Structures are given as C-alpha cells and as structure tokens.
PDB file of N, CA and C in Angstrom:
ATOM      1  N   MET A   1      -3.052 -10.265  42.012  1.00  0.00           N
ATOM      2  CA  MET A   1      -3.918  -8.865  40.513  1.00  0.00           C
ATOM      3  C   MET A   1      -4.704 -10.368  39.722  1.00  0.00           C
ATOM      4  N   ALA A   2      -6.343 -10.404  39.757  1.00  0.00           N
ATOM      5  CA  ALA A   2      -6.579 -11.452  39.634  1.00  0.00           C
ATOM      6  C   ALA A   2      -6.066 -11.022  37.908  1.00  0.00           C
ATOM      7  N   LYS A   3      -6.446 -13.036  37.116  1.00  0.00           N
ATOM      8  CA  LYS A   3      -5.977 -13.367  35.611  1.00  0.00           C
ATOM      9  C   LYS A   3      -7.025 -11.978  34.633  1.00  0.00           C
ATOM     10  N   SER A   4      -8.309 -11.469  34.832  1.00  0.00           N
ATOM     11  CA  SER A   4      -8.751 -10.751  33.620  1.00  0.00           C
ATOM     12  C   SER A   4      -8.228  -9.077  34.139  1.00  0.00           C
ATOM     13  N   ASP A   5      -7.657  -9.103  35.362  1.00  0.00           N
ATOM     14  CA  ASP A   5      -6.861  -8.092  35.852  1.00  0.00           C
ATOM     15  C   ASP A   5      -5.439  -7.786  34.964  1.00  0.00           C
ATOM     16  N   GLU A   6      -5.096  -9.336  34.631  1.00  0.00           N
ATOM     17  CA  GLU A   6      -3.925  -9.191  33.867  1.00  0.00           C
ATOM     18  C   GLU A   6      -4.037  -9.023  32.790  1.00  0.00           C
ATOM     19  N   GLU A   7      -5.097  -9.618  32.343  1.00  0.00           N
ATOM     20  CA  GLU A   7      -5.108 -10.124  30.791  1.00  0.00           C
ATOM     21  C   GLU A   7      -5.246  -8.262  30.019  1.00  0.00           C
ATOM     22  N   LEU A   8      -6.515  -7.763  30.816  1.00  0.00           N
ATOM     23  CA  LEU A   8      -6.740  -6.458  30.655  1.00  0.00           C
ATOM     24  C   LEU A   8      -6.210  -5.320  30.585  1.00  0.00           C
ATOM     25  N   LEU A   9      -4.730  -5.360  31.608  1.00  0.00           N
ATOM     26  CA  LEU A   9      -3.698  -4.385  31.788  1.00  0.00           C
ATOM     27  C   LEU A   9      -3.120  -5.045  30.520  1.00  0.00           C
ATOM     28  N   GLN A  10      -2.529  -6.092  29.269  1.00  0.00           N
ATOM     29  CA  GLN A  10      -1.963  -7.013  28.854  1.00  0.00           C
ATOM     30  C   GLN A  10      -2.732  -5.980  27.607  1.00  0.00           C
ATOM     31  N   GLN A  11      -4.624  -5.372  27.415  1.00  0.00           N
ATOM     32  CA  GLN A  11      -4.844  -5.367  25.523  1.00  0.00           C
ATOM     33  C   GLN A  11      -4.754  -3.837  26.781  1.00  0.00           C
ATOM     34  N   ILE A  12      -4.429  -3.325  27.286  1.00  0.00           N
ATOM     35  CA  ILE A  12      -4.270  -1.452  27.375  1.00  0.00           C
ATOM     36  C   ILE A  12      -2.220  -2.132  26.784  1.00  0.00           C
ATOM     37  N   SER A  13      -1.864  -2.813  26.945  1.00  0.00           N
ATOM     38  CA  SER A  13      -0.382  -2.479  26.912  1.00  0.00           C
ATOM     39  C   SER A  13      -0.086  -2.665  25.498  1.00  0.00           C
ATOM     40  N   GLN A  14      -1.017  -3.918  24.994  1.00  0.00           N
ATOM     41  CA  GLN A  14      -0.551  -3.652  23.653  1.00  0.00           C
ATOM     42  C   GLN A  14      -1.046  -2.484  22.386  1.00  0.00           C
ATOM     43  N   LEU A  15      -2.702  -2.098  22.484  1.00  0.00           N
ATOM     44  CA  LEU A  15      -3.881  -1.289  22.348  1.00  0.00           C
ATOM     45  C   LEU A  15      -1.886   0.672  22.090  1.00  0.00           C
ATOM     46  N   GLY A  16      -1.617   0.148  23.304  1.00  0.00           N
ATOM     47  CA  GLY A  16       0.025   1.486  23.543  1.00  0.00           C
ATOM     48  C   GLY A  16       0.709   1.704  22.830  1.00  0.00           C
ATOM     49  N   ALA A  17       1.183  -0.030  22.463  1.00  0.00           N
ATOM     50  CA  ALA A  17       2.526  -0.640  21.242  1.00  0.00           C
ATOM     51  C   ALA A  17       1.855  -0.249  20.053  1.00  0.00           C
ATOM     52  N   ALA A  18       0.621  -0.368  20.249  1.00  0.00           N
ATOM     53  CA  ALA A  18       0.093  -0.081  18.214  1.00  0.00           C
ATOM     54  C   ALA A  18       0.165   1.247  18.426  1.00  0.00           C
ATOM     55  N   VAL A  19      -0.915   1.837  19.257  1.00  0.00           N
ATOM     56  CA  VAL A  19      -0.687   4.160  18.582  1.00  0.00           C
ATOM     57  C   VAL A  19       0.597   4.104  18.952  1.00  0.00           C
ATOM     58  N   ASN A  20       1.296   4.219  19.478  1.00  0.00           N
ATOM     59  CA  ASN A  20       2.635   4.526  19.209  1.00  0.00           C
ATOM     60  C   ASN A  20       3.103   4.363  18.002  1.00  0.00           C
ATOM     61  N   ALA A  21       2.765   2.719  17.847  1.00  0.00           N
ATOM     62  CA  ALA A  21       3.539   2.619  16.123  1.00  0.00           C
ATOM     63  C   ALA A  21       3.054   3.073  15.306  1.00  0.00           C
ATOM     64  N   ALA A  22       2.123   3.669  15.240  1.00  0.00           N
ATOM     65  CA  ALA A  22       1.534   4.779  13.815  1.00  0.00           C
ATOM     66  C   ALA A  22       1.564   5.847  14.439  1.00  0.00           C
ATOM     67  N   ARG A  23       2.183   6.575  15.556  1.00  0.00           N
ATOM     68  CA  ARG A  23       2.178   7.567  15.214  1.00  0.00           C
ATOM     69  C   ARG A  23       3.567   7.830  15.038  1.00  0.00           C
ATOM     70  N   ASP A  24       4.603   6.499  15.210  1.00  0.00           N
ATOM     71  CA  ASP A  24       6.435   6.731  14.571  1.00  0.00           C
ATOM     72  C   ASP A  24       6.589   6.897  13.273  1.00  0.00           C
ATOM     73  N   GLU A  25       6.422   7.746  12.996  1.00  0.00           N
ATOM     74  CA  GLU A  25       7.367   8.972  11.405  1.00  0.00           C
ATOM     75  C   GLU A  25       8.584   8.425  11.280  1.00  0.00           C
ATOM     76  N   SER A  26       8.972   7.558  11.607  1.00  0.00           N
ATOM     77  CA  SER A  26      10.204   6.602  10.919  1.00  0.00           C
ATOM     78  C   SER A  26       9.706   5.575  10.385  1.00  0.00           C
ATOM     79  N   LEU A  27       8.590   5.290  10.936  1.00  0.00           N
ATOM     80  CA  LEU A  27       8.130   3.710  10.092  1.00  0.00           C
ATOM     81  C   LEU A  27       7.508   3.941   9.222  1.00  0.00           C
ATOM     82  N   ASP A  28       7.296   2.344   7.837  1.00  0.00           N
ATOM     83  CA  ASP A  28       7.082   3.185   7.323  1.00  0.00           C
ATOM     84  C   ASP A  28       5.911   3.288   7.281  1.00  0.00           C
ATOM     85  N   PRO A  29       5.051   4.163   5.829  1.00  0.00           N
ATOM     86  CA  PRO A  29       3.433   4.579   5.701  1.00  0.00           C
ATOM     87  C   PRO A  29       2.772   3.215   5.845  1.00  0.00           C
ATOM     88  N   GLU A  30       3.127   2.336   5.620  1.00  0.00           N
ATOM     89  CA  GLU A  30       2.229   1.081   5.764  1.00  0.00           C
ATOM     90  C   GLU A  30       1.957   0.513   6.584  1.00  0.00           C
ATOM     91  N   LEU A  31       2.934   0.514   6.774  1.00  0.00           N
ATOM     92  CA  LEU A  31       3.387  -0.309   8.853  1.00  0.00           C
ATOM     93  C   LEU A  31       2.432   0.310  10.199  1.00  0.00           C
ATOM     94  N   ARG A  32       2.023   1.902   9.147  1.00  0.00           N
ATOM     95  CA  ARG A  32       2.031   2.919  10.206  1.00  0.00           C
ATOM     96  C   ARG A  32       0.530   2.792  10.247  1.00  0.00           C
ATOM     97  N   ALA A  33      -0.142   2.641   8.793  1.00  0.00           N
ATOM     98  CA  ALA A  33      -1.299   2.118   8.287  1.00  0.00           C
ATOM     99  C   ALA A  33      -2.040   1.137   9.283  1.00  0.00           C
ATOM    100  N   LEU A  34      -0.934   0.339   9.524  1.00  0.00           N
ATOM    101  CA  LEU A  34      -0.917  -1.177   9.597  1.00  0.00           C
ATOM    102  C   LEU A  34      -1.438  -1.407  11.427  1.00  0.00           C
ATOM    103  N   ALA A  35      -0.441  -0.450  11.775  1.00  0.00           N
ATOM    104  CA  ALA A  35      -0.639  -0.167  13.412  1.00  0.00           C
ATOM    105  C   ALA A  35      -2.144   0.726  14.290  1.00  0.00           C
ATOM    106  N   ASP A  36      -3.063   1.729  13.273  1.00  0.00           N
ATOM    107  CA  ASP A  36      -3.523   2.255  12.927  1.00  0.00           C
ATOM    108  C   ASP A  36      -4.930   1.565  13.092  1.00  0.00           C
ATOM    109  N   HIS A  37      -4.536   1.046  12.354  1.00  0.00           N
ATOM    110  CA  HIS A  37      -5.977  -0.632  12.484  1.00  0.00           C
ATOM    111  C   HIS A  37      -6.432  -1.566  12.815  1.00  0.00           C
ATOM    112  N   THR A  38      -4.971  -1.853  13.467  1.00  0.00           N
ATOM    113  CA  THR A  38      -4.553  -2.751  14.825  1.00  0.00           C
ATOM    114  C   THR A  38      -5.066  -1.787  15.700  1.00  0.00           C
ATOM    115  N   ALA A  39      -4.596  -0.674  16.266  1.00  0.00           N
ATOM    116  CA  ALA A  39      -4.907  -0.047  17.309  1.00  0.00           C
ATOM    117  C   ALA A  39      -6.424   0.565  17.592  1.00  0.00           C
ATOM    118  N   GLN A  40      -7.097   0.816  16.794  1.00  0.00           N
ATOM    119  CA  GLN A  40      -8.492   1.050  16.816  1.00  0.00           C
ATOM    120  C   GLN A  40      -9.483  -0.225  16.870  1.00  0.00           C
ATOM    121  N   GLU A  41      -8.692  -1.756  15.652  1.00  0.00           N
ATOM    122  CA  GLU A  41      -9.620  -2.805  16.326  1.00  0.00           C
ATOM    123  C   GLU A  41      -9.458  -2.945  17.943  1.00  0.00           C
ATOM    124  N   ALA A  42      -8.223  -3.086  18.617  1.00  0.00           N
ATOM    125  CA  ALA A  42      -8.563  -3.444  19.921  1.00  0.00           C
ATOM    126  C   ALA A  42      -8.239  -2.173  20.722  1.00  0.00           C
ATOM    127  N   ALA A  43      -9.095  -1.084  20.714  1.00  0.00           N
ATOM    128  CA  ALA A  43      -9.875   0.014  21.033  1.00  0.00           C
ATOM    129  C   ALA A  43     -11.416  -0.224  21.777  1.00  0.00           C
ATOM    130  N   GLY A  44     -11.622  -0.996  20.266  1.00  0.00           N
ATOM    131  CA  GLY A  44     -13.062  -1.134  20.353  1.00  0.00           C
ATOM    132  C   GLY A  44     -13.238  -2.664  20.890  1.00  0.00           C
ATOM    133  N   ARG A  45     -12.471  -3.414  20.493  1.00  0.00           N
ATOM    134  CA  ARG A  45     -12.736  -5.076  21.697  1.00  0.00           C
ATOM    135  C   ARG A  45     -13.010  -4.070  22.892  1.00  0.00           C
ATOM    136  N   LEU A  46     -11.795  -3.532  23.627  1.00  0.00           N
ATOM    137  CA  LEU A  46     -11.900  -3.166  24.931  1.00  0.00           C
ATOM    138  C   LEU A  46     -12.930  -2.335  25.693  1.00  0.00           C
ATOM    139  N   SER A  47     -13.203  -1.562  24.560  1.00  0.00           N
ATOM    140  CA  SER A  47     -14.945  -0.853  25.072  1.00  0.00           C
ATOM    141  C   SER A  47     -16.019  -2.180  24.891  1.00  0.00           C
ATOM    142  N   GLU A  48     -15.712  -2.639  24.408  1.00  0.00           N
ATOM    143  CA  GLU A  48     -17.260  -3.817  23.752  1.00  0.00           C
ATOM    144  C   GLU A  48     -16.885  -4.399  25.225  1.00  0.00           C
ATOM    145  N   GLU A  49     -15.379  -5.168  24.856  1.00  0.00           N
ATOM    146  CA  GLU A  49     -15.714  -6.149  26.889  1.00  0.00           C
ATOM    147  C   GLU A  49     -16.171  -5.629  27.651  1.00  0.00           C
ATOM    148  N   ASN A  50     -15.904  -4.245  28.110  1.00  0.00           N
ATOM    149  CA  ASN A  50     -16.495  -4.054  29.156  1.00  0.00           C
ATOM    150  C   ASN A  50     -17.094  -2.665  29.280  1.00  0.00           C
ATOM    151  N   GLN A  51     -18.492  -2.768  28.748  1.00  0.00           N
ATOM    152  CA  GLN A  51     -19.204  -2.196  29.219  1.00  0.00           C
ATOM    153  C   GLN A  51     -20.291  -2.752  29.916  1.00  0.00           C
TER     154      GLN A  51
END
C-alpha cells in the first residue's frame, strides 16, 4: 500500500473512533461533544483533501 493510502486509512479509522465515541452514551456528555466536534472536523478535512 502506498503511504498516502495508509494515511487515508488512518484518517478514516480515527474518524470512525471519534464517531463511535460521540455516540457512546456511557461517556460524559462533554467528552461526547468533544468527540462529535472532532469527527465533524475530521470529516471536513477528509472531504477537502480528497476532492
């Protein structure tokens, strides 16, 4: 796999982790909000980088 493919997979994995944390009702609401914000930023970055 090319380095750029590995980086893309890593970004997707991190996005998935942030989305899962944002949906985890066992976590503190403040932490969930932070995870949601992180997921939104990561999704935007992925979208911009892959246009």
